[in-house]
Amino acid sequence: ERIGDFLPAEVEGVNEGEQQFLSNISEELRRAGMVLTKVEPQRVLQDGKYTRRSFKLEVEGGFRQFANFLRYLELMPEVVIINGFELNSGQLRNTSKHSATMTVTVIGH
């Protein structure tokens, strides 16, 4: 699906950082052959000059693709904290049929 389906409605311009982050990870997932199936913005907190944005993300893809995606998050210019991660598989031997739920916090200006 398109990332536009998941982007929150603009609220007084405060979600520009959310939209940029979601667009970046959606593009990376697409390149990796993975699918972003759900996004739930959790909260936005001001921390001095920084903003902490938390999301619950649901993605589908292969095990190695997940590992590469976690590495991508680690290397992003924004600070990304993975608060929780759960990987599920209905077919253990099928390396391309996994789903994961991640709770992440992005810290940026």
PDB file of N, CA and C in Angstrom:
ATOM      1  N   GLU A   1       0.827  -1.188   0.000  1.00  0.00           N
ATOM      2  CA  GLU A   1       0.000   0.000   0.000  1.00  0.00           C
ATOM      3  C   GLU A   1       0.866   1.246   0.000  1.00  0.00           C
ATOM      4  N   ARG A   2       0.237   2.370  -0.279  1.00  0.00           N
ATOM      5  CA  ARG A   2       0.975   3.618  -0.326  1.00  0.00           C
ATOM      6  C   ARG A   2       1.128   4.217   1.061  1.00  0.00           C
ATOM      7  N   ILE A   3       2.278   4.871   1.298  1.00  0.00           N
ATOM      8  CA  ILE A   3       2.535   5.492   2.596  1.00  0.00           C
ATOM      9  C   ILE A   3       1.507   6.577   2.897  1.00  0.00           C
ATOM     10  N   GLY A   4       0.970   7.213   1.872  1.00  0.00           N
ATOM     11  CA  GLY A   4      -0.033   8.251   2.081  1.00  0.00           C
ATOM     12  C   GLY A   4      -1.244   7.754   2.852  1.00  0.00           C
ATOM     13  N   ASP A   5      -1.521   6.453   2.738  1.00  0.00           N
ATOM     14  CA  ASP A   5      -2.652   5.889   3.466  1.00  0.00           C
ATOM     15  C   ASP A   5      -2.411   5.870   4.973  1.00  0.00           C
ATOM     16  N   PHE A   6      -1.146   5.924   5.382  1.00  0.00           N
ATOM     17  CA  PHE A   6      -0.812   5.830   6.799  1.00  0.00           C
ATOM     18  C   PHE A   6      -0.475   7.165   7.436  1.00  0.00           C
ATOM     19  N   LEU A   7      -0.220   8.191   6.622  1.00  0.00           N
ATOM     20  CA  LEU A   7       0.224   9.472   7.177  1.00  0.00           C
ATOM     21  C   LEU A   7      -0.892  10.131   7.970  1.00  0.00           C
ATOM     22  N   PRO A   8      -0.553  10.677   9.138  1.00  0.00           N
ATOM     23  CA  PRO A   8      -1.571  11.355   9.932  1.00  0.00           C
ATOM     24  C   PRO A   8      -1.988  12.654   9.274  1.00  0.00           C
ATOM     25  N   ALA A   9      -3.211  13.080   9.551  1.00  0.00           N
ATOM     26  CA  ALA A   9      -3.667  14.377   9.049  1.00  0.00           C
ATOM     27  C   ALA A   9      -2.835  15.461   9.713  1.00  0.00           C
ATOM     28  N   GLU A  10      -2.520  16.510   8.981  1.00  0.00           N
ATOM     29  CA  GLU A  10      -1.676  17.568   9.540  1.00  0.00           C
ATOM     30  C   GLU A  10      -2.403  18.285  10.666  1.00  0.00           C
ATOM     31  N   VAL A  11      -1.701  18.456  11.765  1.00  0.00           N
ATOM     32  CA  VAL A  11      -2.247  19.161  12.924  1.00  0.00           C
ATOM     33  C   VAL A  11      -1.321  20.325  13.223  1.00  0.00           C
ATOM     34  N   GLU A  12      -1.675  21.500  12.724  1.00  0.00           N
ATOM     35  CA  GLU A  12      -0.925  22.732  12.960  1.00  0.00           C
ATOM     36  C   GLU A  12       0.559  22.578  12.665  1.00  0.00           C
ATOM     37  N   GLY A  13       0.912  21.787  11.657  1.00  0.00           N
ATOM     38  CA  GLY A  13       2.288  21.670  11.214  1.00  0.00           C
ATOM     39  C   GLY A  13       3.206  20.859  12.104  1.00  0.00           C
ATOM     40  N   VAL A  14       2.697  20.257  13.187  1.00  0.00           N
ATOM     41  CA  VAL A  14       3.570  19.561  14.124  1.00  0.00           C
ATOM     42  C   VAL A  14       4.008  18.193  13.628  1.00  0.00           C
ATOM     43  N   ASN A  15       3.382  17.677  12.586  1.00  0.00           N
ATOM     44  CA  ASN A  15       3.704  16.317  12.180  1.00  0.00           C
ATOM     45  C   ASN A  15       4.584  16.238  10.939  1.00  0.00           C
ATOM     46  N   GLU A  16       5.222  17.318  10.560  1.00  0.00           N
ATOM     47  CA  GLU A  16       6.101  17.291   9.396  1.00  0.00           C
ATOM     48  C   GLU A  16       7.217  16.260   9.574  1.00  0.00           C
ATOM     49  N   GLY A  17       7.796  16.202  10.776  1.00  0.00           N
ATOM     50  CA  GLY A  17       8.836  15.228  11.064  1.00  0.00           C
ATOM     51  C   GLY A  17       8.322  13.804  10.971  1.00  0.00           C
ATOM     52  N   GLU A  18       7.071  13.576  11.417  1.00  0.00           N
ATOM     53  CA  GLU A  18       6.464  12.252  11.311  1.00  0.00           C
ATOM     54  C   GLU A  18       6.349  11.834   9.852  1.00  0.00           C
ATOM     55  N   GLN A  19       5.847  12.723   9.038  1.00  0.00           N
ATOM     56  CA  GLN A  19       5.652  12.399   7.627  1.00  0.00           C
ATOM     57  C   GLN A  19       6.971  12.087   6.942  1.00  0.00           C
ATOM     58  N   GLN A  20       8.016  12.852   7.245  1.00  0.00           N
ATOM     59  CA  GLN A  20       9.321  12.607   6.625  1.00  0.00           C
ATOM     60  C   GLN A  20       9.881  11.255   7.063  1.00  0.00           C
ATOM     61  N   PHE A  21       9.797  10.954   8.361  1.00  0.00           N
ATOM     62  CA  PHE A  21      10.277   9.677   8.873  1.00  0.00           C
ATOM     63  C   PHE A  21       9.523   8.515   8.221  1.00  0.00           C
ATOM     64  N   LEU A  22       8.197   8.593   8.191  1.00  0.00           N
ATOM     65  CA  LEU A  22       7.402   7.514   7.613  1.00  0.00           C
ATOM     66  C   LEU A  22       7.651   7.355   6.123  1.00  0.00           C
ATOM     67  N   SER A  23       7.840   8.459   5.425  1.00  0.00           N
ATOM     68  CA  SER A  23       8.160   8.375   3.999  1.00  0.00           C
ATOM     69  C   SER A  23       9.504   7.687   3.781  1.00  0.00           C
ATOM     70  N   ASN A  24      10.499   8.032   4.610  1.00  0.00           N
ATOM     71  CA  ASN A  24      11.829   7.422   4.477  1.00  0.00           C
ATOM     72  C   ASN A  24      11.790   5.920   4.738  1.00  0.00           C
ATOM     73  N   ILE A  25      11.124   5.510   5.808  1.00  0.00           N
ATOM     74  CA  ILE A  25      11.125   4.077   6.104  1.00  0.00           C
ATOM     75  C   ILE A  25      10.251   3.305   5.136  1.00  0.00           C
ATOM     76  N   SER A  26       9.182   3.926   4.653  1.00  0.00           N
ATOM     77  CA  SER A  26       8.336   3.260   3.669  1.00  0.00           C
ATOM     78  C   SER A  26       9.114   2.980   2.389  1.00  0.00           C
ATOM     79  N   GLU A  27       9.902   3.943   1.960  1.00  0.00           N
ATOM     80  CA  GLU A  27      10.722   3.767   0.755  1.00  0.00           C
ATOM     81  C   GLU A  27      11.761   2.670   0.968  1.00  0.00           C
ATOM     82  N   GLU A  28      12.391   2.646   2.134  1.00  0.00           N
ATOM     83  CA  GLU A  28      13.385   1.610   2.425  1.00  0.00           C
ATOM     84  C   GLU A  28      12.747   0.226   2.464  1.00  0.00           C
ATOM     85  N   LEU A  29      11.583   0.114   3.071  1.00  0.00           N
ATOM     86  CA  LEU A  29      10.878  -1.168   3.102  1.00  0.00           C
ATOM     87  C   LEU A  29      10.518  -1.627   1.694  1.00  0.00           C
ATOM     88  N   ARG A  30      10.043  -0.706   0.870  1.00  0.00           N
ATOM     89  CA  ARG A  30       9.680  -1.042  -0.511  1.00  0.00           C
ATOM     90  C   ARG A  30      10.892  -1.555  -1.269  1.00  0.00           C
ATOM     91  N   ARG A  31      12.030  -0.857  -1.124  1.00  0.00           N
ATOM     92  CA  ARG A  31      13.264  -1.292  -1.806  1.00  0.00           C
ATOM     93  C   ARG A  31      13.695  -2.685  -1.358  1.00  0.00           C
ATOM     94  N   ALA A  32      13.448  -2.999  -0.092  1.00  0.00           N
ATOM     95  CA  ALA A  32      13.846  -4.296   0.459  1.00  0.00           C
ATOM     96  C   ALA A  32      12.832  -5.398   0.148  1.00  0.00           C
ATOM     97  N   GLY A  33      11.713  -5.047  -0.476  1.00  0.00           N
ATOM     98  CA  GLY A  33      10.702  -6.046  -0.783  1.00  0.00           C
ATOM     99  C   GLY A  33       9.796  -6.357   0.397  1.00  0.00           C
ATOM    100  N   MET A  34       9.749  -5.451   1.356  1.00  0.00           N
ATOM    101  CA  MET A  34       8.898  -5.627   2.527  1.00  0.00           C
ATOM    102  C   MET A  34       7.668  -4.731   2.395  1.00  0.00           C
ATOM    103  N   VAL A  35       6.709  -4.933   3.298  1.00  0.00           N
ATOM    104  CA  VAL A  35       5.465  -4.170   3.251  1.00  0.00           C
ATOM    105  C   VAL A  35       5.186  -3.571   4.628  1.00  0.00           C
ATOM    106  N   LEU A  36       4.868  -2.290   4.653  1.00  0.00           N
ATOM    107  CA  LEU A  36       4.409  -1.610   5.864  1.00  0.00           C
ATOM    108  C   LEU A  36       2.901  -1.769   5.897  1.00  0.00           C
ATOM    109  N   THR A  37       2.386  -2.539   6.866  1.00  0.00           N
ATOM    110  CA  THR A  37       0.958  -2.855   6.879  1.00  0.00           C
ATOM    111  C   THR A  37       0.148  -1.972   7.824  1.00  0.00           C
ATOM    112  N   LYS A  38       0.814  -1.358   8.815  1.00  0.00           N
ATOM    113  CA  LYS A  38       0.073  -0.523   9.755  1.00  0.00           C
ATOM    114  C   LYS A  38       1.019   0.434  10.466  1.00  0.00           C
ATOM    115  N   VAL A  39       0.547   1.650  10.687  1.00  0.00           N
ATOM    116  CA  VAL A  39       1.281   2.656  11.458  1.00  0.00           C
ATOM    117  C   VAL A  39       0.323   3.254  12.473  1.00  0.00           C
ATOM    118  N   GLU A  40       0.749   3.262  13.718  1.00  0.00           N
ATOM    119  CA  GLU A  40      -0.023   3.924  14.770  1.00  0.00           C
ATOM    120  C   GLU A  40       0.864   4.939  15.461  1.00  0.00           C
ATOM    121  N   PRO A  41       0.686   6.241  15.164  1.00  0.00           N
ATOM    122  CA  PRO A  41       1.429   7.237  15.940  1.00  0.00           C
ATOM    123  C   PRO A  41       1.015   7.106  17.405  1.00  0.00           C
ATOM    124  N   GLN A  42       1.984   7.063  18.305  1.00  0.00           N
ATOM    125  CA  GLN A  42       1.702   6.850  19.722  1.00  0.00           C
ATOM    126  C   GLN A  42       1.641   8.162  20.498  1.00  0.00           C
ATOM    127  N   ARG A  43       2.699   8.961  20.391  1.00  0.00           N
ATOM    128  CA  ARG A  43       2.711  10.235  21.121  1.00  0.00           C
ATOM    129  C   ARG A  43       3.829  11.118  20.568  1.00  0.00           C
ATOM    130  N   VAL A  44       3.683  12.411  20.799  1.00  0.00           N
ATOM    131  CA  VAL A  44       4.706  13.387  20.449  1.00  0.00           C
ATOM    132  C   VAL A  44       5.007  14.172  21.719  1.00  0.00           C
ATOM    133  N   LEU A  45       6.277  14.168  22.124  1.00  0.00           N
ATOM    134  CA  LEU A  45       6.691  14.874  23.334  1.00  0.00           C
ATOM    135  C   LEU A  45       7.802  15.859  23.008  1.00  0.00           C
ATOM    136  N   GLN A  46       7.693  17.074  23.505  1.00  0.00           N
ATOM    137  CA  GLN A  46       8.764  18.050  23.379  1.00  0.00           C
ATOM    138  C   GLN A  46       9.773  17.800  24.490  1.00  0.00           C
ATOM    139  N   ASP A  47      11.052  17.801  24.131  1.00  0.00           N
ATOM    140  CA  ASP A  47      12.132  17.588  25.090  1.00  0.00           C
ATOM    141  C   ASP A  47      13.178  18.655  24.801  1.00  0.00           C
ATOM    142  N   GLY A  48      12.943  19.864  25.341  1.00  0.00           N
ATOM    143  CA  GLY A  48      13.809  20.993  25.016  1.00  0.00           C
ATOM    144  C   GLY A  48      13.640  21.348  23.548  1.00  0.00           C
ATOM    145  N   LYS A  49      14.758  21.427  22.812  1.00  0.00           N
ATOM    146  CA  LYS A  49      14.673  21.751  21.380  1.00  0.00           C
ATOM    147  C   LYS A  49      14.408  20.516  20.521  1.00  0.00           C
ATOM    148  N   TYR A  50      14.324  19.352  21.151  1.00  0.00           N
ATOM    149  CA  TYR A  50      14.086  18.105  20.420  1.00  0.00           C
ATOM    150  C   TYR A  50      12.635  17.668  20.549  1.00  0.00           C
ATOM    151  N   THR A  51      12.195  16.885  19.578  1.00  0.00           N
ATOM    152  CA  THR A  51      10.860  16.304  19.599  1.00  0.00           C
ATOM    153  C   THR A  51      11.008  14.792  19.563  1.00  0.00           C
ATOM    154  N   ARG A  52      10.311  14.118  20.465  1.00  0.00           N
ATOM    155  CA  ARG A  52      10.298  12.649  20.493  1.00  0.00           C
ATOM    156  C   ARG A  52       8.962  12.190  19.930  1.00  0.00           C
ATOM    157  N   ARG A  53       9.024  11.442  18.822  1.00  0.00           N
ATOM    158  CA  ARG A  53       7.823  10.914  18.178  1.00  0.00           C
ATOM    159  C   ARG A  53       7.862   9.394  18.280  1.00  0.00           C
ATOM    160  N   SER A  54       6.797   8.809  18.824  1.00  0.00           N
ATOM    161  CA  SER A  54       6.750   7.359  18.971  1.00  0.00           C
ATOM    162  C   SER A  54       5.709   6.772  18.020  1.00  0.00           C
ATOM    163  N   PHE A  55       6.034   5.601  17.484  1.00  0.00           N
ATOM    164  CA  PHE A  55       5.170   4.915  16.527  1.00  0.00           C
ATOM    165  C   PHE A  55       5.132   3.429  16.831  1.00  0.00           C
ATOM    166  N   LYS A  56       4.013   2.817  16.516  1.00  0.00           N
ATOM    167  CA  LYS A  56       3.923   1.361  16.476  1.00  0.00           C
ATOM    168  C   LYS A  56       3.805   1.016  14.995  1.00  0.00           C
ATOM    169  N   LEU A  57       4.756   0.231  14.498  1.00  0.00           N
ATOM    170  CA  LEU A  57       4.803  -0.130  13.091  1.00  0.00           C
ATOM    171  C   LEU A  57       4.573  -1.620  12.939  1.00  0.00           C
ATOM    172  N   GLU A  58       3.796  -2.011  11.941  1.00  0.00           N
ATOM    173  CA  GLU A  58       3.649  -3.422  11.600  1.00  0.00           C
ATOM    174  C   GLU A  58       4.153  -3.598  10.178  1.00  0.00           C
ATOM    175  N   VAL A  59       5.081  -4.538  10.008  1.00  0.00           N
ATOM    176  CA  VAL A  59       5.697  -4.782   8.705  1.00  0.00           C
ATOM    177  C   VAL A  59       5.694  -6.281   8.399  1.00  0.00           C
ATOM    178  N   GLU A  60       5.789  -6.611   7.112  1.00  0.00           N
ATOM    179  CA  GLU A  60       5.849  -8.003   6.672  1.00  0.00           C
ATOM    180  C   GLU A  60       7.021  -8.177   5.731  1.00  0.00           C
ATOM    181  N   GLY A  61       7.694  -9.317   5.845  1.00  0.00           N
ATOM    182  CA  GLY A  61       8.824  -9.620   4.972  1.00  0.00           C
ATOM    183  C   GLY A  61       9.606 -10.804   5.494  1.00  0.00           C
ATOM    184  N   GLY A  62      10.788 -11.003   4.942  1.00  0.00           N
ATOM    185  CA  GLY A  62      11.648 -12.106   5.336  1.00  0.00           C
ATOM    186  C   GLY A  62      12.526 -11.759   6.527  1.00  0.00           C
ATOM    187  N   PHE A  63      13.057 -12.803   7.166  1.00  0.00           N
ATOM    188  CA  PHE A  63      13.880 -12.610   8.364  1.00  0.00           C
ATOM    189  C   PHE A  63      15.099 -11.738   8.077  1.00  0.00           C
ATOM    190  N   ARG A  64      15.833 -12.021   7.008  1.00  0.00           N
ATOM    191  CA  ARG A  64      17.020 -11.224   6.675  1.00  0.00           C
ATOM    192  C   ARG A  64      16.636  -9.790   6.316  1.00  0.00           C
ATOM    193  N   GLN A  65      15.478  -9.619   5.703  1.00  0.00           N
ATOM    194  CA  GLN A  65      15.002  -8.274   5.392  1.00  0.00           C
ATOM    195  C   GLN A  65      14.755  -7.487   6.680  1.00  0.00           C
ATOM    196  N   PHE A  66      14.203  -8.153   7.709  1.00  0.00           N
ATOM    197  CA  PHE A  66      13.999  -7.481   8.993  1.00  0.00           C
ATOM    198  C   PHE A  66      15.326  -7.057   9.601  1.00  0.00           C
ATOM    199  N   ALA A  67      16.300  -7.957   9.559  1.00  0.00           N
ATOM    200  CA  ALA A  67      17.621  -7.629  10.108  1.00  0.00           C
ATOM    201  C   ALA A  67      18.211  -6.419   9.385  1.00  0.00           C
ATOM    202  N   ASN A  68      18.091  -6.398   8.058  1.00  0.00           N
ATOM    203  CA  ASN A  68      18.600  -5.264   7.281  1.00  0.00           C
ATOM    204  C   ASN A  68      17.823  -3.991   7.588  1.00  0.00           C
ATOM    205  N   PHE A  69      16.518  -4.107   7.820  1.00  0.00           N
ATOM    206  CA  PHE A  69      15.713  -2.930   8.148  1.00  0.00           C
ATOM    207  C   PHE A  69      16.100  -2.358   9.512  1.00  0.00           C
ATOM    208  N   LEU A  70      16.356  -3.231  10.492  1.00  0.00           N
ATOM    209  CA  LEU A  70      16.800  -2.754  11.797  1.00  0.00           C
ATOM    210  C   LEU A  70      18.132  -2.023  11.668  1.00  0.00           C
ATOM    211  N   ARG A  71      19.006  -2.531  10.827  1.00  0.00           N
ATOM    212  CA  ARG A  71      20.300  -1.864  10.580  1.00  0.00           C
ATOM    213  C   ARG A  71      20.069  -0.497   9.937  1.00  0.00           C
ATOM    214  N   TYR A  72      19.124  -0.420   8.992  1.00  0.00           N
ATOM    215  CA  TYR A  72      18.783   0.856   8.357  1.00  0.00           C
ATOM    216  C   TYR A  72      18.328   1.865   9.408  1.00  0.00           C
ATOM    217  N   LEU A  73      17.450   1.435  10.331  1.00  0.00           N
ATOM    218  CA  LEU A  73      16.984   2.339  11.393  1.00  0.00           C
ATOM    219  C   LEU A  73      18.153   2.834  12.232  1.00  0.00           C
ATOM    220  N   GLU A  74      19.080   1.936  12.515  1.00  0.00           N
ATOM    221  CA  GLU A  74      20.248   2.285  13.317  1.00  0.00           C
ATOM    222  C   GLU A  74      21.115   3.346  12.637  1.00  0.00           C
ATOM    223  N   LEU A  75      21.164   3.342  11.315  1.00  0.00           N
ATOM    224  CA  LEU A  75      22.026   4.254  10.569  1.00  0.00           C
ATOM    225  C   LEU A  75      21.334   5.540  10.117  1.00  0.00           C
ATOM    226  N   MET A  76      20.049   5.705  10.435  1.00  0.00           N
ATOM    227  CA  MET A  76      19.329   6.918  10.027  1.00  0.00           C
ATOM    228  C   MET A  76      19.952   8.151  10.685  1.00  0.00           C
ATOM    229  N   PRO A  77      19.860   9.315  10.016  1.00  0.00           N
ATOM    230  CA  PRO A  77      20.410  10.535  10.617  1.00  0.00           C
ATOM    231  C   PRO A  77      19.656  10.952  11.885  1.00  0.00           C
ATOM    232  N   GLU A  78      18.361  10.618  11.966  1.00  0.00           N
ATOM    233  CA  GLU A  78      17.625  10.867  13.196  1.00  0.00           C
ATOM    234  C   GLU A  78      18.035   9.797  14.207  1.00  0.00           C
ATOM    235  N   VAL A  79      17.847  10.108  15.467  1.00  0.00           N
ATOM    236  CA  VAL A  79      18.096   9.110  16.511  1.00  0.00           C
ATOM    237  C   VAL A  79      16.832   8.258  16.616  1.00  0.00           C
ATOM    238  N   VAL A  80      16.965   6.960  16.383  1.00  0.00           N
ATOM    239  CA  VAL A  80      15.827   6.049  16.454  1.00  0.00           C
ATOM    240  C   VAL A  80      16.083   5.053  17.572  1.00  0.00           C
ATOM    241  N   ILE A  81      15.152   4.985  18.503  1.00  0.00           N
ATOM    242  CA  ILE A  81      15.237   4.038  19.611  1.00  0.00           C
ATOM    243  C   ILE A  81      14.173   2.974  19.375  1.00  0.00           C
ATOM    244  N   ILE A  82      14.588   1.721  19.323  1.00  0.00           N
ATOM    245  CA  ILE A  82      13.628   0.632  19.174  1.00  0.00           C
ATOM    246  C   ILE A  82      13.219   0.220  20.583  1.00  0.00           C
ATOM    247  N   ASN A  83      11.989   0.587  20.964  1.00  0.00           N
ATOM    248  CA  ASN A  83      11.502   0.343  22.318  1.00  0.00           C
ATOM    249  C   ASN A  83      11.041  -1.096  22.507  1.00  0.00           C
ATOM    250  N   GLY A  84      10.548  -1.712  21.453  1.00  0.00           N
ATOM    251  CA  GLY A  84      10.057  -3.079  21.530  1.00  0.00           C
ATOM    252  C   GLY A  84      10.004  -3.670  20.140  1.00  0.00           C
ATOM    253  N   PHE A  85      10.125  -4.991  20.061  1.00  0.00           N
ATOM    254  CA  PHE A  85      10.139  -5.665  18.775  1.00  0.00           C
ATOM    255  C   PHE A  85       9.593  -7.070  18.962  1.00  0.00           C
ATOM    256  N   GLU A  86       8.644  -7.453  18.132  1.00  0.00           N
ATOM    257  CA  GLU A  86       8.086  -8.795  18.189  1.00  0.00           C
ATOM    258  C   GLU A  86       7.994  -9.336  16.770  1.00  0.00           C
ATOM    259  N   LEU A  87       8.612 -10.484  16.538  1.00  0.00           N
ATOM    260  CA  LEU A  87       8.615 -11.121  15.222  1.00  0.00           C
ATOM    261  C   LEU A  87       7.745 -12.363  15.285  1.00  0.00           C
ATOM    262  N   ASN A  88       6.816 -12.488  14.345  1.00  0.00           N
ATOM    263  CA  ASN A  88       5.908 -13.629  14.297  1.00  0.00           C
ATOM    264  C   ASN A  88       6.029 -14.339  12.962  1.00  0.00           C
ATOM    265  N   SER A  89       5.837 -15.647  12.987  1.00  0.00           N
ATOM    266  CA  SER A  89       5.862 -16.417  11.754  1.00  0.00           C
ATOM    267  C   SER A  89       4.850 -17.541  11.845  1.00  0.00           C
ATOM    268  N   GLY A  90       3.974 -17.594  10.859  1.00  0.00           N
ATOM    269  CA  GLY A  90       3.028 -18.692  10.789  1.00  0.00           C
ATOM    270  C   GLY A  90       3.653 -19.915  10.145  1.00  0.00           C
ATOM    271  N   GLN A  91       4.728 -19.697   9.400  1.00  0.00           N
ATOM    272  CA  GLN A  91       5.407 -20.780   8.684  1.00  0.00           C
ATOM    273  C   GLN A  91       6.891 -20.676   8.966  1.00  0.00           C
ATOM    274  N   LEU A  92       7.359 -21.401   9.978  1.00  0.00           N
ATOM    275  CA  LEU A  92       8.738 -21.279  10.425  1.00  0.00           C
ATOM    276  C   LEU A  92       9.764 -21.525   9.333  1.00  0.00           C
ATOM    277  N   ARG A  93       9.517 -22.455   8.452  1.00  0.00           N
ATOM    278  CA  ARG A  93      10.504 -22.788   7.420  1.00  0.00           C
ATOM    279  C   ARG A  93      10.444 -21.870   6.203  1.00  0.00           C
ATOM    280  N   ASN A  94       9.395 -21.080   6.095  1.00  0.00           N
ATOM    281  CA  ASN A  94       9.266 -20.168   4.959  1.00  0.00           C
ATOM    282  C   ASN A  94       9.922 -18.843   5.337  1.00  0.00           C
ATOM    283  N   THR A  95      11.078 -18.548   4.747  1.00  0.00           N
ATOM    284  CA  THR A  95      11.863 -17.368   5.152  1.00  0.00           C
ATOM    285  C   THR A  95      11.268 -16.052   4.682  1.00  0.00           C
ATOM    286  N   SER A  96      10.205 -16.068   3.877  1.00  0.00           N
ATOM    287  CA  SER A  96       9.660 -14.803   3.374  1.00  0.00           C
ATOM    288  C   SER A  96       8.287 -14.469   3.954  1.00  0.00           C
ATOM    289  N   LYS A  97       7.810 -15.232   4.920  1.00  0.00           N
ATOM    290  CA  LYS A  97       6.464 -15.025   5.447  1.00  0.00           C
ATOM    291  C   LYS A  97       6.477 -14.710   6.936  1.00  0.00           C
ATOM    292  N   HIS A  98       7.062 -13.590   7.302  1.00  0.00           N
ATOM    293  CA  HIS A  98       7.108 -13.175   8.697  1.00  0.00           C
ATOM    294  C   HIS A  98       6.415 -11.827   8.849  1.00  0.00           C
ATOM    295  N   SER A  99       5.946 -11.549  10.046  1.00  0.00           N
ATOM    296  CA  SER A  99       5.420 -10.222  10.339  1.00  0.00           C
ATOM    297  C   SER A  99       6.048  -9.758  11.648  1.00  0.00           C
ATOM    298  N   ALA A 100       6.187  -8.468  11.782  1.00  0.00           N
ATOM    299  CA  ALA A 100       6.785  -7.909  12.984  1.00  0.00           C
ATOM    300  C   ALA A 100       6.024  -6.682  13.422  1.00  0.00           C
ATOM    301  N   THR A 101       5.983  -6.488  14.723  1.00  0.00           N
ATOM    302  CA  THR A 101       5.448  -5.264  15.306  1.00  0.00           C
ATOM    303  C   THR A 101       6.613  -4.606  16.044  1.00  0.00           C
ATOM    304  N   MET A 102       6.838  -3.329  15.752  1.00  0.00           N
ATOM    305  CA  MET A 102       7.903  -2.578  16.385  1.00  0.00           C
ATOM    306  C   MET A 102       7.341  -1.326  17.015  1.00  0.00           C
ATOM    307  N   THR A 103       7.822  -0.989  18.179  1.00  0.00           N
ATOM    308  CA  THR A 103       7.523   0.304  18.776  1.00  0.00           C
ATOM    309  C   THR A 103       8.834   1.071  18.779  1.00  0.00           C
ATOM    310  N   VAL A 104       8.831   2.208  18.077  1.00  0.00           N
ATOM    311  CA  VAL A 104      10.066   2.986  17.936  1.00  0.00           C
ATOM    312  C   VAL A 104       9.805   4.423  18.364  1.00  0.00           C
ATOM    313  N   THR A 105      10.860   5.069  18.843  1.00  0.00           N
ATOM    314  CA  THR A 105      10.821   6.501  19.150  1.00  0.00           C
ATOM    315  C   THR A 105      11.880   7.177  18.302  1.00  0.00           C
ATOM    316  N   VAL A 106      11.487   8.233  17.611  1.00  0.00           N
ATOM    317  CA  VAL A 106      12.390   9.008  16.761  1.00  0.00           C
ATOM    318  C   VAL A 106      12.630  10.336  17.441  1.00  0.00           C
ATOM    319  N   ILE A 107      13.888  10.704  17.602  1.00  0.00           N
ATOM    320  CA  ILE A 107      14.244  11.976  18.240  1.00  0.00           C
ATOM    321  C   ILE A 107      14.871  12.876  17.182  1.00  0.00           C
ATOM    322  N   GLY A 108      14.298  14.034  17.000  1.00  0.00           N
ATOM    323  CA  GLY A 108      14.827  14.980  16.016  1.00  0.00           C
ATOM    324  C   GLY A 108      14.320  16.375  16.301  1.00  0.00           C
ATOM    325  N   HIS A 109      14.718  17.319  15.452  1.00  0.00           N
ATOM    326  CA  HIS A 109      14.295  18.716  15.632  1.00  0.00           C
ATOM    327  C   HIS A 109      12.895  18.891  15.124  1.00  0.00           C
TER     328      HIS A 109
END
